[in-house]
């Protein structure tokens, strides 16, 4: 990994920690899953953060995403998906390739609320 990629990786890790702290405290998710290059530890100078937030809610998908982005005010590129536990289960049951490969198999559970 070159110096720029290494520097970007450190910045992303710091920002991910900040985002997770805010979400855990103020949004109270069931689970946070990091996927993409951050989950693999393979950073590039152009890398962003990819995050799945799992939370019980009745709000529509786009409203959930807007709510999370407004709350965390990301300082780097952030692709965030906000699903209910039931939606995640349905996506897995439907064998959605992206969900299975990138999120379930390659992703890293960064936080899970105790039951």
PDB file of N, CA and C in Angstrom:
ATOM      1  N   UNK A   1       0.853  -1.175   0.000  1.00  0.00           N
ATOM      2  CA  UNK A   1       0.000   0.000   0.000  1.00  0.00           C
ATOM      3  C   UNK A   1       0.899   1.239   0.000  1.00  0.00           C
ATOM      4  N   UNK A   2       0.627   2.155  -0.920  1.00  0.00           N
ATOM      5  CA  UNK A   2       1.466   3.351  -0.979  1.00  0.00           C
ATOM      6  C   UNK A   2       1.083   4.341   0.121  1.00  0.00           C
ATOM      7  N   UNK A   3       1.877   5.398   0.248  1.00  0.00           N
ATOM      8  CA  UNK A   3       1.710   6.351   1.352  1.00  0.00           C
ATOM      9  C   UNK A   3       0.348   7.048   1.318  1.00  0.00           C
ATOM     10  N   UNK A   4      -0.120   7.416   0.109  1.00  0.00           N
ATOM     11  CA  UNK A   4      -1.425   8.074   0.007  1.00  0.00           C
ATOM     12  C   UNK A   4      -2.553   7.148   0.438  1.00  0.00           C
ATOM     13  N   UNK A   5      -2.481   5.906   0.018  1.00  0.00           N
ATOM     14  CA  UNK A   5      -3.506   4.932   0.399  1.00  0.00           C
ATOM     15  C   UNK A   5      -3.471   4.685   1.905  1.00  0.00           C
ATOM     16  N   UNK A   6      -2.283   4.617   2.462  1.00  0.00           N
ATOM     17  CA  UNK A   6      -2.139   4.399   3.903  1.00  0.00           C
ATOM     18  C   UNK A   6      -2.715   5.583   4.686  1.00  0.00           C
ATOM     19  N   UNK A   7      -2.422   6.784   4.218  1.00  0.00           N
ATOM     20  CA  UNK A   7      -2.944   7.991   4.858  1.00  0.00           C
ATOM     21  C   UNK A   7      -4.475   8.024   4.767  1.00  0.00           C
ATOM     22  N   UNK A   8      -5.004   7.645   3.592  1.00  0.00           N
ATOM     23  CA  UNK A   8      -6.455   7.609   3.405  1.00  0.00           C
ATOM     24  C   UNK A   8      -7.084   6.578   4.349  1.00  0.00           C
ATOM     25  N   UNK A   9      -6.436   5.434   4.494  1.00  0.00           N
ATOM     26  CA  UNK A   9      -6.925   4.393   5.390  1.00  0.00           C
ATOM     27  C   UNK A   9      -7.028   4.872   6.824  1.00  0.00           C
ATOM     28  N   UNK A  10      -6.026   5.601   7.282  1.00  0.00           N
ATOM     29  CA  UNK A  10      -6.053   6.142   8.650  1.00  0.00           C
ATOM     30  C   UNK A  10      -7.186   7.145   8.824  1.00  0.00           C
ATOM     31  N   UNK A  11      -7.377   7.995   7.817  1.00  0.00           N
ATOM     32  CA  UNK A  11      -8.458   8.981   7.856  1.00  0.00           C
ATOM     33  C   UNK A  11      -9.821   8.282   7.900  1.00  0.00           C
ATOM     34  N   UNK A  12      -9.989   7.257   7.065  1.00  0.00           N
ATOM     35  CA  UNK A  12     -11.258   6.534   7.028  1.00  0.00           C
ATOM     36  C   UNK A  12     -11.532   5.803   8.340  1.00  0.00           C
ATOM     37  N   UNK A  13     -10.516   5.210   8.924  1.00  0.00           N
ATOM     38  CA  UNK A  13     -10.695   4.519  10.205  1.00  0.00           C
ATOM     39  C   UNK A  13     -11.121   5.499  11.300  1.00  0.00           C
ATOM     40  N   UNK A  14     -10.500   6.664  11.317  1.00  0.00           N
ATOM     41  CA  UNK A  14     -10.851   7.687  12.305  1.00  0.00           C
ATOM     42  C   UNK A  14     -12.295   8.157  12.098  1.00  0.00           C
ATOM     43  N   UNK A  15     -12.667   8.388  10.847  1.00  0.00           N
ATOM     44  CA  UNK A  15     -14.023   8.846  10.547  1.00  0.00           C
ATOM     45  C   UNK A  15     -15.053   7.753  10.841  1.00  0.00           C
ATOM     46  N   UNK A  16     -14.721   6.515  10.546  1.00  0.00           N
ATOM     47  CA  UNK A  16     -15.631   5.409  10.848  1.00  0.00           C
ATOM     48  C   UNK A  16     -15.889   5.328  12.351  1.00  0.00           C
ATOM     49  N   UNK A  17     -14.861   5.467  13.142  1.00  0.00           N
ATOM     50  CA  UNK A  17     -15.029   5.448  14.602  1.00  0.00           C
ATOM     51  C   UNK A  17     -15.933   6.580  15.078  1.00  0.00           C
ATOM     52  N   UNK A  18     -15.757   7.761  14.493  1.00  0.00           N
ATOM     53  CA  UNK A  18     -16.588   8.917  14.859  1.00  0.00           C
ATOM     54  C   UNK A  18     -18.054   8.655  14.487  1.00  0.00           C
ATOM     55  N   UNK A  19     -18.270   8.163  13.278  1.00  0.00           N
ATOM     56  CA  UNK A  19     -19.624   7.878  12.797  1.00  0.00           C
ATOM     57  C   UNK A  19     -20.290   6.814  13.664  1.00  0.00           C
ATOM     58  N   UNK A  20     -19.553   5.755  13.962  1.00  0.00           N
ATOM     59  CA  UNK A  20     -20.115   4.676  14.773  1.00  0.00           C
ATOM     60  C   UNK A  20     -20.489   5.167  16.168  1.00  0.00           C
ATOM     61  N   UNK A  21     -19.652   5.989  16.743  1.00  0.00           N
ATOM     62  CA  UNK A  21     -19.932   6.533  18.080  1.00  0.00           C
ATOM     63  C   UNK A  21     -21.245   7.311  18.080  1.00  0.00           C
ATOM     64  N   UNK A  22     -21.436   8.148  17.068  1.00  0.00           N
ATOM     65  CA  UNK A  22     -22.669   8.939  16.955  1.00  0.00           C
ATOM     66  C   UNK A  22     -23.873   8.027  16.759  1.00  0.00           C
ATOM     67  N   UNK A  23     -23.753   7.070  15.843  1.00  0.00           N
ATOM     68  CA  UNK A  23     -24.882   6.182  15.564  1.00  0.00           C
ATOM     69  C   UNK A  23     -25.266   5.354  16.785  1.00  0.00           C
ATOM     70  N   UNK A  24     -24.287   4.789  17.456  1.00  0.00           N
ATOM     71  CA  UNK A  24     -24.573   3.953  18.628  1.00  0.00           C
ATOM     72  C   UNK A  24     -25.245   4.781  19.724  1.00  0.00           C
ATOM     73  N   UNK A  25     -24.757   5.985  19.928  1.00  0.00           N
ATOM     74  CA  UNK A  25     -25.296   6.844  20.989  1.00  0.00           C
ATOM     75  C   UNK A  25     -26.666   7.426  20.619  1.00  0.00           C
ATOM     76  N   UNK A  26     -26.798   7.945  19.399  1.00  0.00           N
ATOM     77  CA  UNK A  26     -27.973   8.742  19.051  1.00  0.00           C
ATOM     78  C   UNK A  26     -29.003   8.041  18.164  1.00  0.00           C
ATOM     79  N   UNK A  27     -28.606   6.994  17.451  1.00  0.00           N
ATOM     80  CA  UNK A  27     -29.529   6.316  16.529  1.00  0.00           C
ATOM     81  C   UNK A  27     -29.915   4.928  17.033  1.00  0.00           C
ATOM     82  N   UNK A  28     -29.106   4.380  17.896  1.00  0.00           N
ATOM     83  CA  UNK A  28     -29.341   3.102  18.567  1.00  0.00           C
ATOM     84  C   UNK A  28     -29.685   1.967  17.599  1.00  0.00           C
ATOM     85  N   UNK A  29     -28.745   1.652  16.698  1.00  0.00           N
ATOM     86  CA  UNK A  29     -28.987   0.566  15.745  1.00  0.00           C
ATOM     87  C   UNK A  29     -28.880  -0.803  16.409  1.00  0.00           C
ATOM     88  N   UNK A  30     -29.439  -1.794  15.736  1.00  0.00           N
ATOM     89  CA  UNK A  30     -29.268  -3.177  16.179  1.00  0.00           C
ATOM     90  C   UNK A  30     -27.859  -3.650  15.824  1.00  0.00           C
ATOM     91  N   UNK A  31     -27.402  -3.202  14.631  1.00  0.00           N
ATOM     92  CA  UNK A  31     -26.131  -3.703  14.119  1.00  0.00           C
ATOM     93  C   UNK A  31     -25.550  -2.704  13.126  1.00  0.00           C
ATOM     94  N   UNK A  32     -24.214  -2.639  13.059  1.00  0.00           N
ATOM     95  CA  UNK A  32     -23.493  -1.862  12.051  1.00  0.00           C
ATOM     96  C   UNK A  32     -22.546  -2.818  11.334  1.00  0.00           C
ATOM     97  N   UNK A  33     -22.626  -2.827  10.002  1.00  0.00           N
ATOM     98  CA  UNK A  33     -21.773  -3.698   9.197  1.00  0.00           C
ATOM     99  C   UNK A  33     -20.981  -2.836   8.227  1.00  0.00           C
ATOM    100  N   UNK A  34     -19.674  -2.942   8.289  1.00  0.00           N
ATOM    101  CA  UNK A  34     -18.789  -2.242   7.359  1.00  0.00           C
ATOM    102  C   UNK A  34     -18.522  -3.197   6.206  1.00  0.00           C
ATOM    103  N   UNK A  35     -18.603  -2.688   4.977  1.00  0.00           N
ATOM    104  CA  UNK A  35     -18.271  -3.523   3.833  1.00  0.00           C
ATOM    105  C   UNK A  35     -17.424  -2.720   2.859  1.00  0.00           C
ATOM    106  N   UNK A  36     -17.013  -3.331   1.770  1.00  0.00           N
ATOM    107  CA  UNK A  36     -16.158  -2.647   0.811  1.00  0.00           C
ATOM    108  C   UNK A  36     -14.711  -2.646   1.266  1.00  0.00           C
ATOM    109  N   UNK A  37     -13.947  -1.690   0.756  1.00  0.00           N
ATOM    110  CA  UNK A  37     -12.500  -1.661   1.007  1.00  0.00           C
ATOM    111  C   UNK A  37     -12.165  -1.518   2.491  1.00  0.00           C
ATOM    112  N   UNK A  38     -12.974  -0.791   3.246  1.00  0.00           N
ATOM    113  CA  UNK A  38     -12.687  -0.619   4.680  1.00  0.00           C
ATOM    114  C   UNK A  38     -12.788  -1.943   5.431  1.00  0.00           C
ATOM    115  N   UNK A  39     -13.726  -2.788   5.041  1.00  0.00           N
ATOM    116  CA  UNK A  39     -13.873  -4.091   5.704  1.00  0.00           C
ATOM    117  C   UNK A  39     -12.715  -5.016   5.356  1.00  0.00           C
ATOM    118  N   UNK A  40     -12.168  -4.836   4.164  1.00  0.00           N
ATOM    119  CA  UNK A  40     -11.072  -5.685   3.704  1.00  0.00           C
ATOM    120  C   UNK A  40      -9.702  -5.133   4.093  1.00  0.00           C
ATOM    121  N   UNK A  41      -9.667  -3.870   4.538  1.00  0.00           N
ATOM    122  CA  UNK A  41      -8.392  -3.237   4.863  1.00  0.00           C
ATOM    123  C   UNK A  41      -7.563  -2.934   3.628  1.00  0.00           C
ATOM    124  N   UNK A  42      -8.239  -2.810   2.483  1.00  0.00           N
ATOM    125  CA  UNK A  42      -7.569  -2.536   1.205  1.00  0.00           C
ATOM    126  C   UNK A  42      -7.922  -1.119   0.763  1.00  0.00           C
ATOM    127  N   UNK A  43      -7.191  -0.163   1.261  1.00  0.00           N
ATOM    128  CA  UNK A  43      -7.501   1.227   0.981  1.00  0.00           C
ATOM    129  C   UNK A  43      -6.774   1.733  -0.256  1.00  0.00           C
ATOM    130  N   UNK A  44      -7.419   2.683  -0.924  1.00  0.00           N
ATOM    131  CA  UNK A  44      -6.850   3.392  -2.066  1.00  0.00           C
ATOM    132  C   UNK A  44      -7.025   4.882  -1.782  1.00  0.00           C
ATOM    133  N   UNK A  45      -6.309   5.748  -2.488  1.00  0.00           N
ATOM    134  CA  UNK A  45      -6.469   7.186  -2.239  1.00  0.00           C
ATOM    135  C   UNK A  45      -7.909   7.680  -2.435  1.00  0.00           C
ATOM    136  N   UNK A  46      -8.705   6.973  -3.231  1.00  0.00           N
ATOM    137  CA  UNK A  46     -10.079   7.383  -3.522  1.00  0.00           C
ATOM    138  C   UNK A  46     -11.125   6.604  -2.704  1.00  0.00           C
ATOM    139  N   UNK A  47     -10.684   5.768  -1.786  1.00  0.00           N
ATOM    140  CA  UNK A  47     -11.611   4.938  -1.011  1.00  0.00           C
ATOM    141  C   UNK A  47     -12.601   5.777  -0.209  1.00  0.00           C
ATOM    142  N   UNK A  48     -13.811   5.215  -0.064  1.00  0.00           N
ATOM    143  CA  UNK A  48     -14.831   5.826   0.784  1.00  0.00           C
ATOM    144  C   UNK A  48     -15.237   4.806   1.840  1.00  0.00           C
ATOM    145  N   UNK A  49     -16.248   5.130   2.614  1.00  0.00           N
ATOM    146  CA  UNK A  49     -16.775   4.203   3.617  1.00  0.00           C
ATOM    147  C   UNK A  49     -18.095   3.628   3.129  1.00  0.00           C
ATOM    148  N   UNK A  50     -18.278   2.345   3.361  1.00  0.00           N
ATOM    149  CA  UNK A  50     -19.517   1.654   3.019  1.00  0.00           C
ATOM    150  C   UNK A  50     -20.057   1.045   4.305  1.00  0.00           C
ATOM    151  N   UNK A  51     -21.293   1.385   4.639  1.00  0.00           N
ATOM    152  CA  UNK A  51     -21.838   0.992   5.934  1.00  0.00           C
ATOM    153  C   UNK A  51     -23.298   0.571   5.802  1.00  0.00           C
ATOM    154  N   UNK A  52     -23.630  -0.542   6.442  1.00  0.00           N
ATOM    155  CA  UNK A  52     -25.024  -0.964   6.573  1.00  0.00           C
ATOM    156  C   UNK A  52     -25.424  -0.745   8.024  1.00  0.00           C
ATOM    157  N   UNK A  53     -26.531  -0.051   8.201  1.00  0.00           N
ATOM    158  CA  UNK A  53     -27.098   0.181   9.521  1.00  0.00           C
ATOM    159  C   UNK A  53     -28.373  -0.659   9.601  1.00  0.00           C
ATOM    160  N   UNK A  54     -28.462  -1.499  10.607  1.00  0.00           N
ATOM    161  CA  UNK A  54     -29.658  -2.322  10.800  1.00  0.00           C
ATOM    162  C   UNK A  54     -30.391  -1.781  12.023  1.00  0.00           C
ATOM    163  N   UNK A  55     -31.662  -1.386  11.783  1.00  0.00           N
ATOM    164  CA  UNK A  55     -32.438  -0.762  12.870  1.00  0.00           C
ATOM    165  C   UNK A  55     -33.921  -1.058  12.680  1.00  0.00           C
ATOM    166  N   UNK A  56     -34.581  -1.344  13.780  1.00  0.00           N
ATOM    167  CA  UNK A  56     -36.038  -1.506  13.740  1.00  0.00           C
ATOM    168  C   UNK A  56     -36.656  -0.127  13.570  1.00  0.00           C
ATOM    169  N   UNK A  57     -37.436   0.035  12.506  1.00  0.00           N
ATOM    170  CA  UNK A  57     -38.074   1.315  12.224  1.00  0.00           C
ATOM    171  C   UNK A  57     -39.200   1.105  11.224  1.00  0.00           C
ATOM    172  N   UNK A  58     -40.137   2.032  11.218  1.00  0.00           N
ATOM    173  CA  UNK A  58     -41.248   2.000  10.262  1.00  0.00           C
ATOM    174  C   UNK A  58     -41.022   3.008   9.130  1.00  0.00           C
ATOM    175  N   UNK A  59     -39.967   3.810   9.220  1.00  0.00           N
ATOM    176  CA  UNK A  59     -39.729   4.863   8.235  1.00  0.00           C
ATOM    177  C   UNK A  59     -39.343   4.269   6.882  1.00  0.00           C
ATOM    178  N   UNK A  60     -39.676   4.977   5.787  1.00  0.00           N
ATOM    179  CA  UNK A  60     -39.275   4.520   4.450  1.00  0.00           C
ATOM    180  C   UNK A  60     -37.750   4.558   4.291  1.00  0.00           C
ATOM    181  N   UNK A  61     -37.235   3.741   3.382  1.00  0.00           N
ATOM    182  CA  UNK A  61     -35.792   3.581   3.186  1.00  0.00           C
ATOM    183  C   UNK A  61     -35.066   4.911   2.981  1.00  0.00           C
ATOM    184  N   UNK A  62     -35.531   5.730   2.045  1.00  0.00           N
ATOM    185  CA  UNK A  62     -34.822   6.985   1.768  1.00  0.00           C
ATOM    186  C   UNK A  62     -34.832   7.921   2.967  1.00  0.00           C
ATOM    187  N   UNK A  63     -35.919   7.930   3.705  1.00  0.00           N
ATOM    188  CA  UNK A  63     -35.996   8.768   4.913  1.00  0.00           C
ATOM    189  C   UNK A  63     -34.975   8.303   5.958  1.00  0.00           C
ATOM    190  N   UNK A  64     -34.803   6.993   6.074  1.00  0.00           N
ATOM    191  CA  UNK A  64     -33.810   6.442   7.014  1.00  0.00           C
ATOM    192  C   UNK A  64     -32.402   6.883   6.633  1.00  0.00           C
ATOM    193  N   UNK A  65     -32.094   6.774   5.336  1.00  0.00           N
ATOM    194  CA  UNK A  65     -30.757   7.150   4.860  1.00  0.00           C
ATOM    195  C   UNK A  65     -30.505   8.630   5.114  1.00  0.00           C
ATOM    196  N   UNK A  66     -31.482   9.470   4.774  1.00  0.00           N
ATOM    197  CA  UNK A  66     -31.345  10.912   5.011  1.00  0.00           C
ATOM    198  C   UNK A  66     -31.142  11.206   6.493  1.00  0.00           C
ATOM    199  N   UNK A  67     -31.882  10.509   7.341  1.00  0.00           N
ATOM    200  CA  UNK A  67     -31.781  10.705   8.784  1.00  0.00           C
ATOM    201  C   UNK A  67     -30.368  10.385   9.280  1.00  0.00           C
ATOM    202  N   UNK A  68     -29.813   9.277   8.818  1.00  0.00           N
ATOM    203  CA  UNK A  68     -28.459   8.882   9.226  1.00  0.00           C
ATOM    204  C   UNK A  68     -27.437   9.895   8.722  1.00  0.00           C
ATOM    205  N   UNK A  69     -27.540  10.290   7.459  1.00  0.00           N
ATOM    206  CA  UNK A  69     -26.571  11.247   6.905  1.00  0.00           C
ATOM    207  C   UNK A  69     -26.648  12.593   7.622  1.00  0.00           C
ATOM    208  N   UNK A  70     -27.853  13.035   7.948  1.00  0.00           N
ATOM    209  CA  UNK A  70     -28.017  14.294   8.688  1.00  0.00           C
ATOM    210  C   UNK A  70     -27.404  14.190  10.080  1.00  0.00           C
ATOM    211  N   UNK A  71     -27.566  13.046  10.691  1.00  0.00           N
ATOM    212  CA  UNK A  71     -27.064  12.830  12.045  1.00  0.00           C
ATOM    213  C   UNK A  71     -25.539  12.787  12.088  1.00  0.00           C
ATOM    214  N   UNK A  72     -24.915  12.043  11.180  1.00  0.00           N
ATOM    215  CA  UNK A  72     -23.462  11.839  11.266  1.00  0.00           C
ATOM    216  C   UNK A  72     -22.651  12.892  10.523  1.00  0.00           C
ATOM    217  N   UNK A  73     -23.261  13.591   9.574  1.00  0.00           N
ATOM    218  CA  UNK A  73     -22.551  14.622   8.797  1.00  0.00           C
ATOM    219  C   UNK A  73     -21.157  14.136   8.385  1.00  0.00           C
ATOM    220  N   UNK A  74     -21.106  13.164   7.464  1.00  0.00           N
ATOM    221  CA  UNK A  74     -19.819  12.547   7.112  1.00  0.00           C
ATOM    222  C   UNK A  74     -18.813  13.546   6.537  1.00  0.00           C
ATOM    223  N   UNK A  75     -17.555  13.330   6.907  1.00  0.00           N
ATOM    224  CA  UNK A  75     -16.458  14.185   6.442  1.00  0.00           C
ATOM    225  C   UNK A  75     -15.707  13.539   5.290  1.00  0.00           C
ATOM    226  N   UNK A  76     -16.108  12.318   4.931  1.00  0.00           N
ATOM    227  CA  UNK A  76     -15.552  11.593   3.781  1.00  0.00           C
ATOM    228  C   UNK A  76     -16.733  10.993   3.029  1.00  0.00           C
ATOM    229  N   UNK A  77     -16.476  10.472   1.838  1.00  0.00           N
ATOM    230  CA  UNK A  77     -17.536   9.800   1.097  1.00  0.00           C
ATOM    231  C   UNK A  77     -18.100   8.650   1.917  1.00  0.00           C
ATOM    232  N   UNK A  78     -19.423   8.605   2.028  1.00  0.00           N
ATOM    233  CA  UNK A  78     -20.077   7.558   2.815  1.00  0.00           C
ATOM    234  C   UNK A  78     -21.264   7.017   2.037  1.00  0.00           C
ATOM    235  N   UNK A  79     -21.203   5.734   1.713  1.00  0.00           N
ATOM    236  CA  UNK A  79     -22.349   5.035   1.139  1.00  0.00           C
ATOM    237  C   UNK A  79     -22.998   4.283   2.282  1.00  0.00           C
ATOM    238  N   UNK A  80     -24.226   4.650   2.600  1.00  0.00           N
ATOM    239  CA  UNK A  80     -24.903   4.033   3.741  1.00  0.00           C
ATOM    240  C   UNK A  80     -26.230   3.435   3.291  1.00  0.00           C
ATOM    241  N   UNK A  81     -26.493   2.238   3.772  1.00  0.00           N
ATOM    242  CA  UNK A  81     -27.762   1.554   3.554  1.00  0.00           C
ATOM    243  C   UNK A  81     -28.369   1.315   4.927  1.00  0.00           C
ATOM    244  N   UNK A  82     -29.645   1.624   5.081  1.00  0.00           N
ATOM    245  CA  UNK A  82     -30.303   1.448   6.375  1.00  0.00           C
ATOM    246  C   UNK A  82     -31.463   0.476   6.183  1.00  0.00           C
ATOM    247  N   UNK A  83     -31.314  -0.710   6.741  1.00  0.00           N
ATOM    248  CA  UNK A  83     -32.317  -1.766   6.607  1.00  0.00           C
ATOM    249  C   UNK A  83     -32.877  -2.142   7.971  1.00  0.00           C
ATOM    250  N   UNK A  84     -34.100  -2.645   7.960  1.00  0.00           N
ATOM    251  CA  UNK A  84     -34.650  -3.248   9.170  1.00  0.00           C
ATOM    252  C   UNK A  84     -34.109  -4.678   9.256  1.00  0.00           C
ATOM    253  N   UNK A  85     -34.147  -5.291  10.436  1.00  0.00           N
ATOM    254  CA  UNK A  85     -33.705  -6.688  10.539  1.00  0.00           C
ATOM    255  C   UNK A  85     -34.491  -7.605   9.595  1.00  0.00           C
ATOM    256  N   UNK A  86     -35.774  -7.326   9.434  1.00  0.00           N
ATOM    257  CA  UNK A  86     -36.611  -8.137   8.550  1.00  0.00           C
ATOM    258  C   UNK A  86     -36.200  -7.974   7.089  1.00  0.00           C
ATOM    259  N   UNK A  87     -35.821  -6.765   6.691  1.00  0.00           N
ATOM    260  CA  UNK A  87     -35.369  -6.540   5.315  1.00  0.00           C
ATOM    261  C   UNK A  87     -34.065  -7.275   5.043  1.00  0.00           C
ATOM    262  N   UNK A  88     -33.153  -7.252   5.995  1.00  0.00           N
ATOM    263  CA  UNK A  88     -31.888  -7.976   5.825  1.00  0.00           C
ATOM    264  C   UNK A  88     -32.169  -9.462   5.669  1.00  0.00           C
ATOM    265  N   UNK A  89     -33.026  -9.984   6.522  1.00  0.00           N
ATOM    266  CA  UNK A  89     -33.373 -11.408   6.457  1.00  0.00           C
ATOM    267  C   UNK A  89     -33.995 -11.759   5.106  1.00  0.00           C
ATOM    268  N   UNK A  90     -34.888 -10.898   4.610  1.00  0.00           N
ATOM    269  CA  UNK A  90     -35.535 -11.139   3.315  1.00  0.00           C
ATOM    270  C   UNK A  90     -34.519 -11.099   2.175  1.00  0.00           C
ATOM    271  N   UNK A  91     -33.590 -10.139   2.220  1.00  0.00           N
ATOM    272  CA  UNK A  91     -32.563 -10.046   1.175  1.00  0.00           C
ATOM    273  C   UNK A  91     -31.675 -11.284   1.166  1.00  0.00           C
ATOM    274  N   UNK A  92     -31.348 -11.794   2.332  1.00  0.00           N
ATOM    275  CA  UNK A  92     -30.543 -13.020   2.429  1.00  0.00           C
ATOM    276  C   UNK A  92     -31.356 -14.202   1.903  1.00  0.00           C
ATOM    277  N   UNK A  93     -32.620 -14.292   2.317  1.00  0.00           N
ATOM    278  CA  UNK A  93     -33.483 -15.391   1.862  1.00  0.00           C
ATOM    279  C   UNK A  93     -33.666 -15.383   0.349  1.00  0.00           C
ATOM    280  N   UNK A  94     -33.705 -14.174  -0.239  1.00  0.00           N
ATOM    281  CA  UNK A  94     -33.843 -14.041  -1.693  1.00  0.00           C
ATOM    282  C   UNK A  94     -32.524 -14.307  -2.410  1.00  0.00           C
ATOM    283  N   UNK A  95     -31.478 -14.528  -1.626  1.00  0.00           N
ATOM    284  CA  UNK A  95     -30.143 -14.818  -2.149  1.00  0.00           C
ATOM    285  C   UNK A  95     -29.637 -13.695  -3.070  1.00  0.00           C
ATOM    286  N   UNK A  96     -29.860 -12.462  -2.653  1.00  0.00           N
ATOM    287  CA  UNK A  96     -29.360 -11.307  -3.409  1.00  0.00           C
ATOM    288  C   UNK A  96     -27.841 -11.344  -3.410  1.00  0.00           C
ATOM    289  N   UNK A  97     -27.249 -11.397  -4.584  1.00  0.00           N
ATOM    290  CA  UNK A  97     -25.804 -11.597  -4.721  1.00  0.00           C
ATOM    291  C   UNK A  97     -25.015 -10.503  -4.017  1.00  0.00           C
ATOM    292  N   UNK A  98     -25.368  -9.236  -4.236  1.00  0.00           N
ATOM    293  CA  UNK A  98     -24.633  -8.137  -3.611  1.00  0.00           C
ATOM    294  C   UNK A  98     -24.684  -8.249  -2.091  1.00  0.00           C
ATOM    295  N   UNK A  99     -25.865  -8.486  -1.570  1.00  0.00           N
ATOM    296  CA  UNK A  99     -26.023  -8.573  -0.115  1.00  0.00           C
ATOM    297  C   UNK A  99     -25.213  -9.734   0.436  1.00  0.00           C
ATOM    298  N   UNK A 100     -25.319 -10.891  -0.190  1.00  0.00           N
ATOM    299  CA  UNK A 100     -24.588 -12.061   0.300  1.00  0.00           C
ATOM    300  C   UNK A 100     -23.085 -11.877   0.179  1.00  0.00           C
ATOM    301  N   UNK A 101     -22.611 -11.538  -1.027  1.00  0.00           N
ATOM    302  CA  UNK A 101     -21.163 -11.461  -1.264  1.00  0.00           C
ATOM    303  C   UNK A 101     -20.495 -10.302  -0.535  1.00  0.00           C
ATOM    304  N   UNK A 102     -20.997  -9.110  -0.747  1.00  0.00           N
ATOM    305  CA  UNK A 102     -20.310  -7.920  -0.241  1.00  0.00           C
ATOM    306  C   UNK A 102     -20.592  -7.620   1.230  1.00  0.00           C
ATOM    307  N   UNK A 103     -21.817  -7.865   1.663  1.00  0.00           N
ATOM    308  CA  UNK A 103     -22.182  -7.474   3.026  1.00  0.00           C
ATOM    309  C   UNK A 103     -22.070  -8.643   4.009  1.00  0.00           C
ATOM    310  N   UNK A 104     -22.709  -9.752   3.703  1.00  0.00           N
ATOM    311  CA  UNK A 104     -22.737 -10.873   4.647  1.00  0.00           C
ATOM    312  C   UNK A 104     -21.399 -11.602   4.702  1.00  0.00           C
ATOM    313  N   UNK A 105     -20.839 -11.980   3.552  1.00  0.00           N
ATOM    314  CA  UNK A 105     -19.611 -12.783   3.545  1.00  0.00           C
ATOM    315  C   UNK A 105     -18.336 -11.951   3.717  1.00  0.00           C
ATOM    316  N   UNK A 106     -18.246 -10.814   3.020  1.00  0.00           N
ATOM    317  CA  UNK A 106     -17.020 -10.007   3.070  1.00  0.00           C
ATOM    318  C   UNK A 106     -17.097  -8.863   4.078  1.00  0.00           C
ATOM    319  N   UNK A 107     -18.298  -8.506   4.486  1.00  0.00           N
ATOM    320  CA  UNK A 107     -18.469  -7.403   5.423  1.00  0.00           C
ATOM    321  C   UNK A 107     -18.018  -7.788   6.825  1.00  0.00           C
ATOM    322  N   UNK A 108     -17.845  -6.776   7.656  1.00  0.00           N
ATOM    323  CA  UNK A 108     -17.408  -6.989   9.039  1.00  0.00           C
ATOM    324  C   UNK A 108     -18.416  -6.339   9.986  1.00  0.00           C
ATOM    325  N   UNK A 109     -18.957  -7.128  10.896  1.00  0.00           N
ATOM    326  CA  UNK A 109     -19.870  -6.571  11.900  1.00  0.00           C
ATOM    327  C   UNK A 109     -19.027  -5.736  12.858  1.00  0.00           C
ATOM    328  N   UNK A 110     -19.255  -4.427  12.827  1.00  0.00           N
ATOM    329  CA  UNK A 110     -18.474  -3.506  13.654  1.00  0.00           C
ATOM    330  C   UNK A 110     -19.144  -3.252  15.001  1.00  0.00           C
ATOM    331  N   UNK A 111     -20.453  -3.504  15.058  1.00  0.00           N
ATOM    332  CA  UNK A 111     -21.199  -3.297  16.303  1.00  0.00           C
ATOM    333  C   UNK A 111     -22.454  -4.153  16.252  1.00  0.00           C
ATOM    334  N   UNK A 112     -22.794  -4.739  17.376  1.00  0.00           N
ATOM    335  CA  UNK A 112     -24.063  -5.453  17.504  1.00  0.00           C
ATOM    336  C   UNK A 112     -24.580  -5.236  18.916  1.00  0.00           C
ATOM    337  N   UNK A 113     -25.808  -4.727  19.004  1.00  0.00           N
ATOM    338  CA  UNK A 113     -26.392  -4.446  20.309  1.00  0.00           C
ATOM    339  C   UNK A 113     -26.642  -5.753  21.059  1.00  0.00           C
ATOM    340  N   UNK A 114     -26.353  -5.728  22.333  1.00  0.00           N
ATOM    341  CA  UNK A 114     -26.632  -6.908  23.166  1.00  0.00           C
ATOM    342  C   UNK A 114     -28.126  -7.069  23.320  1.00  0.00           C
ATOM    343  N   UNK A 115     -28.555  -8.305  23.314  1.00  0.00           N
ATOM    344  CA  UNK A 115     -30.001  -8.564  23.417  1.00  0.00           C
ATOM    345  C   UNK A 115     -30.420  -8.773  24.832  1.00  0.00           C
TER     346      UNK A 115
END
